[in-house]
Amino acid sequence: MAHDVFQAIADPTRREIIDLLATQSLTVNEVAENFDISRPAVSKHIKILNKCGLLVVRPKGRKRFCRTDPRKLQEVFEWAQRYRKFWNQKLDALEAALDEDEKQ
């Protein structure tokens, strides 16, 4: 799983970590302060996100600063885009059916 972006983002805590770090760089301890789980558990999530390329962890002195690297999310975006046309067609058909029901 270490390099599978899809499995990494399947976990809600990891998605929250990505969101938290999307606009700011924080230390591992600062990230952990935002969660009701242990610091070692947060560190494990950060390690997984780092291994799959969604986070960059940069040591500075005794601290480790983390930030999101959204480039790897492009893989997820491209996969999801394949289904956009399909869902747009389905939703357009539903809208047309509902409009037709309203007319009757």
PDB file of N, CA and C in Angstrom:
ATOM      1  N   MET A   1       0.806  -1.191   0.000  1.00  0.00           N
ATOM      2  CA  MET A   1       0.000   0.000   0.000  1.00  0.00           C
ATOM      3  C   MET A   1       0.854   1.261   0.000  1.00  0.00           C
ATOM      4  N   ALA A   2       2.084   1.168   0.382  1.00  0.00           N
ATOM      5  CA  ALA A   2       2.916   2.353   0.587  1.00  0.00           C
ATOM      6  C   ALA A   2       2.948   3.281  -0.623  1.00  0.00           C
ATOM      7  N   HIS A   3       2.799   2.756  -1.816  1.00  0.00           N
ATOM      8  CA  HIS A   3       2.911   3.602  -2.997  1.00  0.00           C
ATOM      9  C   HIS A   3       1.587   3.733  -3.743  1.00  0.00           C
ATOM     10  N   ASP A   4       0.496   3.240  -3.172  1.00  0.00           N
ATOM     11  CA  ASP A   4      -0.808   3.303  -3.825  1.00  0.00           C
ATOM     12  C   ASP A   4      -1.582   4.513  -3.322  1.00  0.00           C
ATOM     13  N   VAL A   5      -1.668   5.533  -4.165  1.00  0.00           N
ATOM     14  CA  VAL A   5      -2.344   6.775  -3.806  1.00  0.00           C
ATOM     15  C   VAL A   5      -3.807   6.514  -3.453  1.00  0.00           C
ATOM     16  N   PHE A   6      -4.460   5.632  -4.187  1.00  0.00           N
ATOM     17  CA  PHE A   6      -5.874   5.378  -3.966  1.00  0.00           C
ATOM     18  C   PHE A   6      -6.126   4.761  -2.592  1.00  0.00           C
ATOM     19  N   GLN A   7      -5.304   3.819  -2.178  1.00  0.00           N
ATOM     20  CA  GLN A   7      -5.456   3.238  -0.841  1.00  0.00           C
ATOM     21  C   GLN A   7      -5.104   4.270   0.228  1.00  0.00           C
ATOM     22  N   ALA A   8      -4.134   5.104  -0.054  1.00  0.00           N
ATOM     23  CA  ALA A   8      -3.737   6.122   0.926  1.00  0.00           C
ATOM     24  C   ALA A   8      -4.868   7.107   1.176  1.00  0.00           C
ATOM     25  N   ILE A   9      -5.547   7.555   0.137  1.00  0.00           N
ATOM     26  CA  ILE A   9      -6.612   8.538   0.327  1.00  0.00           C
ATOM     27  C   ILE A   9      -7.939   7.894   0.726  1.00  0.00           C
ATOM     28  N   ALA A  10      -7.990   6.570   0.750  1.00  0.00           N
ATOM     29  CA  ALA A  10      -9.208   5.894   1.192  1.00  0.00           C
ATOM     30  C   ALA A  10      -9.445   6.094   2.689  1.00  0.00           C
ATOM     31  N   ASP A  11      -8.413   6.393   3.430  1.00  0.00           N
ATOM     32  CA  ASP A  11      -8.536   6.573   4.873  1.00  0.00           C
ATOM     33  C   ASP A  11      -8.947   8.019   5.183  1.00  0.00           C
ATOM     34  N   PRO A  12     -10.033   8.219   5.932  1.00  0.00           N
ATOM     35  CA  PRO A  12     -10.492   9.590   6.209  1.00  0.00           C
ATOM     36  C   PRO A  12      -9.493  10.437   6.997  1.00  0.00           C
ATOM     37  N   THR A  13      -8.733   9.822   7.888  1.00  0.00           N
ATOM     38  CA  THR A  13      -7.737  10.584   8.645  1.00  0.00           C
ATOM     39  C   THR A  13      -6.652  11.098   7.708  1.00  0.00           C
ATOM     40  N   ARG A  14      -6.218  10.269   6.777  1.00  0.00           N
ATOM     41  CA  ARG A  14      -5.189  10.716   5.834  1.00  0.00           C
ATOM     42  C   ARG A  14      -5.709  11.827   4.927  1.00  0.00           C
ATOM     43  N   ARG A  15      -6.987  11.742   4.532  1.00  0.00           N
ATOM     44  CA  ARG A  15      -7.555  12.834   3.725  1.00  0.00           C
ATOM     45  C   ARG A  15      -7.587  14.128   4.530  1.00  0.00           C
ATOM     46  N   GLU A  16      -7.906  14.029   5.809  1.00  0.00           N
ATOM     47  CA  GLU A  16      -7.908  15.227   6.661  1.00  0.00           C
ATOM     48  C   GLU A  16      -6.505  15.809   6.806  1.00  0.00           C
ATOM     49  N   ILE A  17      -5.508  14.953   6.908  1.00  0.00           N
ATOM     50  CA  ILE A  17      -4.122  15.421   7.002  1.00  0.00           C
ATOM     51  C   ILE A  17      -3.735  16.150   5.716  1.00  0.00           C
ATOM     52  N   ILE A  18      -4.092  15.593   4.584  1.00  0.00           N
ATOM     53  CA  ILE A  18      -3.810  16.248   3.298  1.00  0.00           C
ATOM     54  C   ILE A  18      -4.470  17.625   3.262  1.00  0.00           C
ATOM     55  N   ASP A  19      -5.735  17.686   3.664  1.00  0.00           N
ATOM     56  CA  ASP A  19      -6.452  18.971   3.675  1.00  0.00           C
ATOM     57  C   ASP A  19      -5.787  19.968   4.615  1.00  0.00           C
ATOM     58  N   LEU A  20      -5.411  19.504   5.793  1.00  0.00           N
ATOM     59  CA  LEU A  20      -4.780  20.369   6.791  1.00  0.00           C
ATOM     60  C   LEU A  20      -3.481  20.971   6.262  1.00  0.00           C
ATOM     61  N   LEU A  21      -2.721  20.173   5.537  1.00  0.00           N
ATOM     62  CA  LEU A  21      -1.411  20.607   5.054  1.00  0.00           C
ATOM     63  C   LEU A  21      -1.447  21.220   3.654  1.00  0.00           C
ATOM     64  N   ALA A  22      -2.620  21.348   3.088  1.00  0.00           N
ATOM     65  CA  ALA A  22      -2.726  21.894   1.734  1.00  0.00           C
ATOM     66  C   ALA A  22      -2.338  23.366   1.664  1.00  0.00           C
ATOM     67  N   THR A  23      -2.536  24.089   2.755  1.00  0.00           N
ATOM     68  CA  THR A  23      -2.272  25.528   2.732  1.00  0.00           C
ATOM     69  C   THR A  23      -1.170  25.959   3.688  1.00  0.00           C
ATOM     70  N   GLN A  24      -0.599  25.004   4.397  1.00  0.00           N
ATOM     71  CA  GLN A  24       0.421  25.358   5.382  1.00  0.00           C
ATOM     72  C   GLN A  24       1.364  24.193   5.633  1.00  0.00           C
ATOM     73  N   SER A  25       2.544  24.522   6.080  1.00  0.00           N
ATOM     74  CA  SER A  25       3.533  23.528   6.473  1.00  0.00           C
ATOM     75  C   SER A  25       3.500  23.445   7.999  1.00  0.00           C
ATOM     76  N   LEU A  26       3.374  22.233   8.517  1.00  0.00           N
ATOM     77  CA  LEU A  26       3.308  22.029   9.960  1.00  0.00           C
ATOM     78  C   LEU A  26       4.272  20.936  10.389  1.00  0.00           C
ATOM     79  N   THR A  27       4.680  20.987  11.646  1.00  0.00           N
ATOM     80  CA  THR A  27       5.484  19.897  12.184  1.00  0.00           C
ATOM     81  C   THR A  27       4.571  18.707  12.439  1.00  0.00           C
ATOM     82  N   VAL A  28       5.176  17.544  12.618  1.00  0.00           N
ATOM     83  CA  VAL A  28       4.401  16.340  12.903  1.00  0.00           C
ATOM     84  C   VAL A  28       3.590  16.548  14.184  1.00  0.00           C
ATOM     85  N   ASN A  29       4.181  17.163  15.198  1.00  0.00           N
ATOM     86  CA  ASN A  29       3.451  17.418  16.445  1.00  0.00           C
ATOM     87  C   ASN A  29       2.270  18.354  16.226  1.00  0.00           C
ATOM     88  N   GLU A  30       2.449  19.380  15.417  1.00  0.00           N
ATOM     89  CA  GLU A  30       1.355  20.305  15.133  1.00  0.00           C
ATOM     90  C   GLU A  30       0.225  19.606  14.383  1.00  0.00           C
ATOM     91  N   VAL A  31       0.582  18.700  13.487  1.00  0.00           N
ATOM     92  CA  VAL A  31      -0.442  17.918  12.790  1.00  0.00           C
ATOM     93  C   VAL A  31      -1.188  17.058  13.807  1.00  0.00           C
ATOM     94  N   ALA A  32      -0.458  16.389  14.681  1.00  0.00           N
ATOM     95  CA  ALA A  32      -1.060  15.493  15.671  1.00  0.00           C
ATOM     96  C   ALA A  32      -2.022  16.221  16.600  1.00  0.00           C
ATOM     97  N   GLU A  33      -1.763  17.486  16.881  1.00  0.00           N
ATOM     98  CA  GLU A  33      -2.635  18.270  17.767  1.00  0.00           C
ATOM     99  C   GLU A  33      -4.043  18.428  17.200  1.00  0.00           C
ATOM    100  N   ASN A  34      -4.212  18.218  15.928  1.00  0.00           N
ATOM    101  CA  ASN A  34      -5.508  18.377  15.277  1.00  0.00           C
ATOM    102  C   ASN A  34      -6.354  17.104  15.261  1.00  0.00           C
ATOM    103  N   PHE A  35      -5.851  16.039  15.870  1.00  0.00           N
ATOM    104  CA  PHE A  35      -6.545  14.756  15.806  1.00  0.00           C
ATOM    105  C   PHE A  35      -6.689  14.138  17.192  1.00  0.00           C
ATOM    106  N   ASP A  36      -7.741  13.356  17.355  1.00  0.00           N
ATOM    107  CA  ASP A  36      -7.990  12.662  18.617  1.00  0.00           C
ATOM    108  C   ASP A  36      -7.414  11.252  18.598  1.00  0.00           C
ATOM    109  N   ILE A  37      -6.278  11.104  17.964  1.00  0.00           N
ATOM    110  CA  ILE A  37      -5.576   9.819  17.956  1.00  0.00           C
ATOM    111  C   ILE A  37      -4.156  10.077  18.449  1.00  0.00           C
ATOM    112  N   SER A  38      -3.447   9.024  18.750  1.00  0.00           N
ATOM    113  CA  SER A  38      -2.101   9.175  19.314  1.00  0.00           C
ATOM    114  C   SER A  38      -1.138   9.774  18.292  1.00  0.00           C
ATOM    115  N   ARG A  39      -0.081  10.375  18.809  1.00  0.00           N
ATOM    116  CA  ARG A  39       0.956  10.931  17.935  1.00  0.00           C
ATOM    117  C   ARG A  39       1.597   9.837  17.081  1.00  0.00           C
ATOM    118  N   PRO A  40       1.885   8.644  17.649  1.00  0.00           N
ATOM    119  CA  PRO A  40       2.430   7.575  16.797  1.00  0.00           C
ATOM    120  C   PRO A  40       1.477   7.174  15.655  1.00  0.00           C
ATOM    121  N   ALA A  41       0.172   7.228  15.909  1.00  0.00           N
ATOM    122  CA  ALA A  41      -0.787   6.902  14.850  1.00  0.00           C
ATOM    123  C   ALA A  41      -0.738   7.953  13.749  1.00  0.00           C
ATOM    124  N   VAL A  42      -0.646   9.233  14.135  1.00  0.00           N
ATOM    125  CA  VAL A  42      -0.533  10.308  13.146  1.00  0.00           C
ATOM    126  C   VAL A  42       0.768  10.143  12.368  1.00  0.00           C
ATOM    127  N   SER A  43       1.847   9.819  13.064  1.00  0.00           N
ATOM    128  CA  SER A  43       3.136   9.606  12.388  1.00  0.00           C
ATOM    129  C   SER A  43       3.050   8.492  11.362  1.00  0.00           C
ATOM    130  N   LYS A  44       2.314   7.444  11.694  1.00  0.00           N
ATOM    131  CA  LYS A  44       2.154   6.330  10.753  1.00  0.00           C
ATOM    132  C   LYS A  44       1.402   6.789   9.503  1.00  0.00           C
ATOM    133  N   HIS A  45       0.336   7.585   9.699  1.00  0.00           N
ATOM    134  CA  HIS A  45      -0.401   8.115   8.552  1.00  0.00           C
ATOM    135  C   HIS A  45       0.503   9.004   7.698  1.00  0.00           C
ATOM    136  N   ILE A  46       1.290   9.838   8.347  1.00  0.00           N
ATOM    137  CA  ILE A  46       2.200  10.734   7.625  1.00  0.00           C
ATOM    138  C   ILE A  46       3.228   9.923   6.840  1.00  0.00           C
ATOM    139  N   LYS A  47       3.720   8.863   7.432  1.00  0.00           N
ATOM    140  CA  LYS A  47       4.702   8.011   6.751  1.00  0.00           C
ATOM    141  C   LYS A  47       4.097   7.403   5.477  1.00  0.00           C
ATOM    142  N   ILE A  48       2.854   6.935   5.568  1.00  0.00           N
ATOM    143  CA  ILE A  48       2.183   6.351   4.399  1.00  0.00           C
ATOM    144  C   ILE A  48       1.993   7.411   3.318  1.00  0.00           C
ATOM    145  N   LEU A  49       1.528   8.593   3.716  1.00  0.00           N
ATOM    146  CA  LEU A  49       1.316   9.669   2.749  1.00  0.00           C
ATOM    147  C   LEU A  49       2.627  10.105   2.097  1.00  0.00           C
ATOM    148  N   ASN A  50       3.688  10.102   2.886  1.00  0.00           N
ATOM    149  CA  ASN A  50       5.004  10.463   2.356  1.00  0.00           C
ATOM    150  C   ASN A  50       5.507   9.419   1.369  1.00  0.00           C
ATOM    151  N   LYS A  51       5.342   8.153   1.690  1.00  0.00           N
ATOM    152  CA  LYS A  51       5.822   7.083   0.807  1.00  0.00           C
ATOM    153  C   LYS A  51       5.105   7.068  -0.531  1.00  0.00           C
ATOM    154  N   CYS A  52       3.831   7.459  -0.541  1.00  0.00           N
ATOM    155  CA  CYS A  52       3.121   7.444  -1.824  1.00  0.00           C
ATOM    156  C   CYS A  52       3.222   8.789  -2.536  1.00  0.00           C
ATOM    157  N   GLY A  53       3.936   9.746  -1.952  1.00  0.00           N
ATOM    158  CA  GLY A  53       4.215  11.001  -2.636  1.00  0.00           C
ATOM    159  C   GLY A  53       3.201  12.107  -2.418  1.00  0.00           C
ATOM    160  N   LEU A  54       2.250  11.915  -1.511  1.00  0.00           N
ATOM    161  CA  LEU A  54       1.246  12.948  -1.271  1.00  0.00           C
ATOM    162  C   LEU A  54       1.707  14.006  -0.280  1.00  0.00           C
ATOM    163  N   LEU A  55       2.728  13.685   0.500  1.00  0.00           N
ATOM    164  CA  LEU A  55       3.311  14.642   1.449  1.00  0.00           C
ATOM    165  C   LEU A  55       4.808  14.687   1.258  1.00  0.00           C
ATOM    166  N   VAL A  56       5.370  15.844   1.557  1.00  0.00           N
ATOM    167  CA  VAL A  56       6.813  16.007   1.622  1.00  0.00           C
ATOM    168  C   VAL A  56       7.138  16.268   3.084  1.00  0.00           C
ATOM    169  N   VAL A  57       8.076  15.512   3.623  1.00  0.00           N
ATOM    170  CA  VAL A  57       8.518  15.709   5.003  1.00  0.00           C
ATOM    171  C   VAL A  57       9.948  16.207   4.951  1.00  0.00           C
ATOM    172  N   ARG A  58      10.178  17.378   5.542  1.00  0.00           N
ATOM    173  CA  ARG A  58      11.483  18.030   5.481  1.00  0.00           C
ATOM    174  C   ARG A  58      12.002  18.241   6.902  1.00  0.00           C
ATOM    175  N   PRO A  59      13.119  17.604   7.251  1.00  0.00           N
ATOM    176  CA  PRO A  59      13.679  17.836   8.582  1.00  0.00           C
ATOM    177  C   PRO A  59      14.330  19.213   8.675  1.00  0.00           C
ATOM    178  N   LYS A  60      14.134  19.866   9.794  1.00  0.00           N
ATOM    179  CA  LYS A  60      14.768  21.155  10.052  1.00  0.00           C
ATOM    180  C   LYS A  60      15.133  21.156  11.537  1.00  0.00           C
ATOM    181  N   GLY A  61      16.398  20.940  11.791  1.00  0.00           N
ATOM    182  CA  GLY A  61      16.829  20.780  13.177  1.00  0.00           C
ATOM    183  C   GLY A  61      16.247  19.492  13.745  1.00  0.00           C
ATOM    184  N   ARG A  62      15.606  19.595  14.892  1.00  0.00           N
ATOM    185  CA  ARG A  62      15.006  18.412  15.520  1.00  0.00           C
ATOM    186  C   ARG A  62      13.571  18.188  15.067  1.00  0.00           C
ATOM    187  N   LYS A  63      13.030  19.118  14.302  1.00  0.00           N
ATOM    188  CA  LYS A  63      11.637  19.029  13.878  1.00  0.00           C
ATOM    189  C   LYS A  63      11.542  18.509  12.447  1.00  0.00           C
ATOM    190  N   ARG A  64      10.388  17.916  12.160  1.00  0.00           N
ATOM    191  CA  ARG A  64      10.094  17.459  10.801  1.00  0.00           C
ATOM    192  C   ARG A  64       8.861  18.207  10.319  1.00  0.00           C
ATOM    193  N   PHE A  65       9.033  18.996   9.266  1.00  0.00           N
ATOM    194  CA  PHE A  65       7.935  19.772   8.716  1.00  0.00           C
ATOM    195  C   PHE A  65       7.301  19.007   7.558  1.00  0.00           C
ATOM    196  N   CYS A  66       5.972  19.045   7.525  1.00  0.00           N
ATOM    197  CA  CYS A  66       5.215  18.336   6.498  1.00  0.00           C
ATOM    198  C   CYS A  66       4.412  19.329   5.681  1.00  0.00           C
ATOM    199  N   ARG A  67       4.280  19.016   4.394  1.00  0.00           N
ATOM    200  CA  ARG A  67       3.397  19.796   3.533  1.00  0.00           C
ATOM    201  C   ARG A  67       2.857  18.871   2.451  1.00  0.00           C
ATOM    202  N   THR A  68       1.703  19.221   1.949  1.00  0.00           N
ATOM    203  CA  THR A  68       1.079  18.437   0.890  1.00  0.00           C
ATOM    204  C   THR A  68       1.806  18.672  -0.424  1.00  0.00           C
ATOM    205  N   ASP A  69       1.945  17.610  -1.203  1.00  0.00           N
ATOM    206  CA  ASP A  69       2.461  17.719  -2.569  1.00  0.00           C
ATOM    207  C   ASP A  69       1.338  17.252  -3.494  1.00  0.00           C
ATOM    208  N   PRO A  70       0.522  18.178  -3.994  1.00  0.00           N
ATOM    209  CA  PRO A  70      -0.681  17.805  -4.738  1.00  0.00           C
ATOM    210  C   PRO A  70      -0.426  17.195  -6.115  1.00  0.00           C
ATOM    211  N   ARG A  71       0.800  17.195  -6.578  1.00  0.00           N
ATOM    212  CA  ARG A  71       1.070  16.653  -7.924  1.00  0.00           C
ATOM    213  C   ARG A  71       0.648  15.195  -8.036  1.00  0.00           C
ATOM    214  N   LYS A  72       0.821  14.434  -6.978  1.00  0.00           N
ATOM    215  CA  LYS A  72       0.463  13.012  -7.023  1.00  0.00           C
ATOM    216  C   LYS A  72      -1.051  12.824  -7.080  1.00  0.00           C
ATOM    217  N   LEU A  73      -1.814  13.814  -6.604  1.00  0.00           N
ATOM    218  CA  LEU A  73      -3.270  13.738  -6.684  1.00  0.00           C
ATOM    219  C   LEU A  73      -3.758  13.820  -8.128  1.00  0.00           C
ATOM    220  N   GLN A  74      -2.900  14.266  -9.034  1.00  0.00           N
ATOM    221  CA  GLN A  74      -3.253  14.326 -10.457  1.00  0.00           C
ATOM    222  C   GLN A  74      -3.670  12.943 -10.955  1.00  0.00           C
ATOM    223  N   GLU A  75      -3.033  11.911 -10.451  1.00  0.00           N
ATOM    224  CA  GLU A  75      -3.368  10.534 -10.824  1.00  0.00           C
ATOM    225  C   GLU A  75      -4.826  10.227 -10.471  1.00  0.00           C
ATOM    226  N   VAL A  76      -5.257  10.662  -9.304  1.00  0.00           N
ATOM    227  CA  VAL A  76      -6.631  10.451  -8.858  1.00  0.00           C
ATOM    228  C   VAL A  76      -7.582  11.271  -9.722  1.00  0.00           C
ATOM    229  N   PHE A  77      -7.220  12.514  -9.982  1.00  0.00           N
ATOM    230  CA  PHE A  77      -8.046  13.391 -10.803  1.00  0.00           C
ATOM    231  C   PHE A  77      -8.257  12.797 -12.197  1.00  0.00           C
ATOM    232  N   GLU A  78      -7.202  12.312 -12.818  1.00  0.00           N
ATOM    233  CA  GLU A  78      -7.296  11.745 -14.162  1.00  0.00           C
ATOM    234  C   GLU A  78      -8.183  10.499 -14.168  1.00  0.00           C
ATOM    235  N   TRP A  79      -8.087   9.685 -13.131  1.00  0.00           N
ATOM    236  CA  TRP A  79      -8.934   8.502 -13.042  1.00  0.00           C
ATOM    237  C   TRP A  79     -10.398   8.903 -12.905  1.00  0.00           C
ATOM    238  N   ALA A  80     -10.679   9.868 -12.050  1.00  0.00           N
ATOM    239  CA  ALA A  80     -12.055  10.307 -11.819  1.00  0.00           C
ATOM    240  C   ALA A  80     -12.647  10.972 -13.058  1.00  0.00           C
ATOM    241  N   GLN A  81     -11.821  11.645 -13.833  1.00  0.00           N
ATOM    242  CA  GLN A  81     -12.299  12.323 -15.040  1.00  0.00           C
ATOM    243  C   GLN A  81     -12.899  11.347 -16.049  1.00  0.00           C
ATOM    244  N   ARG A  82     -12.424  10.115 -16.047  1.00  0.00           N
ATOM    245  CA  ARG A  82     -12.965   9.114 -16.975  1.00  0.00           C
ATOM    246  C   ARG A  82     -14.459   8.920 -16.773  1.00  0.00           C
ATOM    247  N   TYR A  83     -14.901   9.109 -15.546  1.00  0.00           N
ATOM    248  CA  TYR A  83     -16.292   8.847 -15.206  1.00  0.00           C
ATOM    249  C   TYR A  83     -17.156  10.094 -15.254  1.00  0.00           C
ATOM    250  N   ARG A  84     -16.558  11.240 -15.442  1.00  0.00           N
ATOM    251  CA  ARG A  84     -17.312  12.493 -15.481  1.00  0.00           C
ATOM    252  C   ARG A  84     -18.339  12.498 -16.612  1.00  0.00           C
ATOM    253  N   LYS A  85     -17.917  12.118 -17.807  1.00  0.00           N
ATOM    254  CA  LYS A  85     -18.829  12.106 -18.959  1.00  0.00           C
ATOM    255  C   LYS A  85     -19.983  11.137 -18.702  1.00  0.00           C
ATOM    256  N   PHE A  86     -19.670   9.967 -18.175  1.00  0.00           N
ATOM    257  CA  PHE A  86     -20.695   8.966 -17.873  1.00  0.00           C
ATOM    258  C   PHE A  86     -21.744   9.544 -16.929  1.00  0.00           C
ATOM    259  N   TRP A  87     -21.300  10.149 -15.817  1.00  0.00           N
ATOM    260  CA  TRP A  87     -22.242  10.676 -14.827  1.00  0.00           C
ATOM    261  C   TRP A  87     -22.986  11.894 -15.357  1.00  0.00           C
ATOM    262  N   ASN A  88     -22.333  12.705 -16.143  1.00  0.00           N
ATOM    263  CA  ASN A  88     -23.034  13.851 -16.741  1.00  0.00           C
ATOM    264  C   ASN A  88     -24.169  13.379 -17.643  1.00  0.00           C
ATOM    265  N   GLN A  89     -23.925  12.335 -18.422  1.00  0.00           N
ATOM    266  CA  GLN A  89     -24.968  11.790 -19.291  1.00  0.00           C
ATOM    267  C   GLN A  89     -26.117  11.226 -18.462  1.00  0.00           C
ATOM    268  N   LYS A  90     -25.802  10.516 -17.409  1.00  0.00           N
ATOM    269  CA  LYS A  90     -26.843   9.940 -16.553  1.00  0.00           C
ATOM    270  C   LYS A  90     -27.672  11.034 -15.881  1.00  0.00           C
ATOM    271  N   LEU A  91     -27.001  12.067 -15.384  1.00  0.00           N
ATOM    272  CA  LEU A  91     -27.717  13.154 -14.721  1.00  0.00           C
ATOM    273  C   LEU A  91     -28.558  13.958 -15.706  1.00  0.00           C
ATOM    274  N   ASP A  92     -28.056  14.144 -16.926  1.00  0.00           N
ATOM    275  CA  ASP A  92     -28.840  14.830 -17.961  1.00  0.00           C
ATOM    276  C   ASP A  92     -30.092  14.025 -18.306  1.00  0.00           C
ATOM    277  N   ALA A  93     -29.948  12.709 -18.388  1.00  0.00           N
ATOM    278  CA  ALA A  93     -31.103  11.850 -18.685  1.00  0.00           C
ATOM    279  C   ALA A  93     -32.118  11.900 -17.541  1.00  0.00           C
ATOM    280  N   LEU A  94     -31.646  11.917 -16.310  1.00  0.00           N
ATOM    281  CA  LEU A  94     -32.537  12.017 -15.160  1.00  0.00           C
ATOM    282  C   LEU A  94     -33.281  13.345 -15.175  1.00  0.00           C
ATOM    283  N   GLU A  95     -32.563  14.424 -15.448  1.00  0.00           N
ATOM    284  CA  GLU A  95     -33.193  15.739 -15.519  1.00  0.00           C
ATOM    285  C   GLU A  95     -34.272  15.775 -16.596  1.00  0.00           C
ATOM    286  N   ALA A  96     -33.983  15.195 -17.743  1.00  0.00           N
ATOM    287  CA  ALA A  96     -34.960  15.157 -18.830  1.00  0.00           C
ATOM    288  C   ALA A  96     -36.195  14.339 -18.424  1.00  0.00           C
ATOM    289  N   ALA A  97     -35.983  13.222 -17.758  1.00  0.00           N
ATOM    290  CA  ALA A  97     -37.101  12.388 -17.303  1.00  0.00           C
ATOM    291  C   ALA A  97     -37.946  13.125 -16.269  1.00  0.00           C
ATOM    292  N   LEU A  98     -37.303  13.838 -15.358  1.00  0.00           N
ATOM    293  CA  LEU A  98     -38.042  14.598 -14.345  1.00  0.00           C
ATOM    294  C   LEU A  98     -38.824  15.740 -14.984  1.00  0.00           C
ATOM    295  N   ASP A  99     -38.232  16.396 -15.961  1.00  0.00           N
ATOM    296  CA  ASP A  99     -38.926  17.461 -16.684  1.00  0.00           C
ATOM    297  C   ASP A  99     -40.142  16.902 -17.408  1.00  0.00           C
ATOM    298  N   GLU A 100     -39.991  15.734 -17.994  1.00  0.00           N
ATOM    299  CA  GLU A 100     -41.085  15.101 -18.719  1.00  0.00           C
ATOM    300  C   GLU A 100     -42.205  14.718 -17.751  1.00  0.00           C
ATOM    301  N   ASP A 101     -41.865  14.224 -16.566  1.00  0.00           N
ATOM    302  CA  ASP A 101     -42.861  13.889 -15.541  1.00  0.00           C
ATOM    303  C   ASP A 101     -43.627  15.127 -15.089  1.00  0.00           C
ATOM    304  N   GLU A 102     -42.921  16.251 -14.955  1.00  0.00           N
ATOM    305  CA  GLU A 102     -43.554  17.494 -14.529  1.00  0.00           C
ATOM    306  C   GLU A 102     -44.587  17.965 -15.547  1.00  0.00           C
ATOM    307  N   LYS A 103     -44.309  17.748 -16.804  1.00  0.00           N
ATOM    308  CA  LYS A 103     -45.210  18.190 -17.872  1.00  0.00           C
ATOM    309  C   LYS A 103     -46.485  17.364 -17.906  1.00  0.00           C
ATOM    310  N   GLN A 104     -46.431  16.151 -17.387  1.00  0.00           N
ATOM    311  CA  GLN A 104     -47.607  15.263 -17.450  1.00  0.00           C
ATOM    312  C   GLN A 104     -48.514  15.436 -16.304  1.00  0.00           C
TER     313      GLN A 104
END
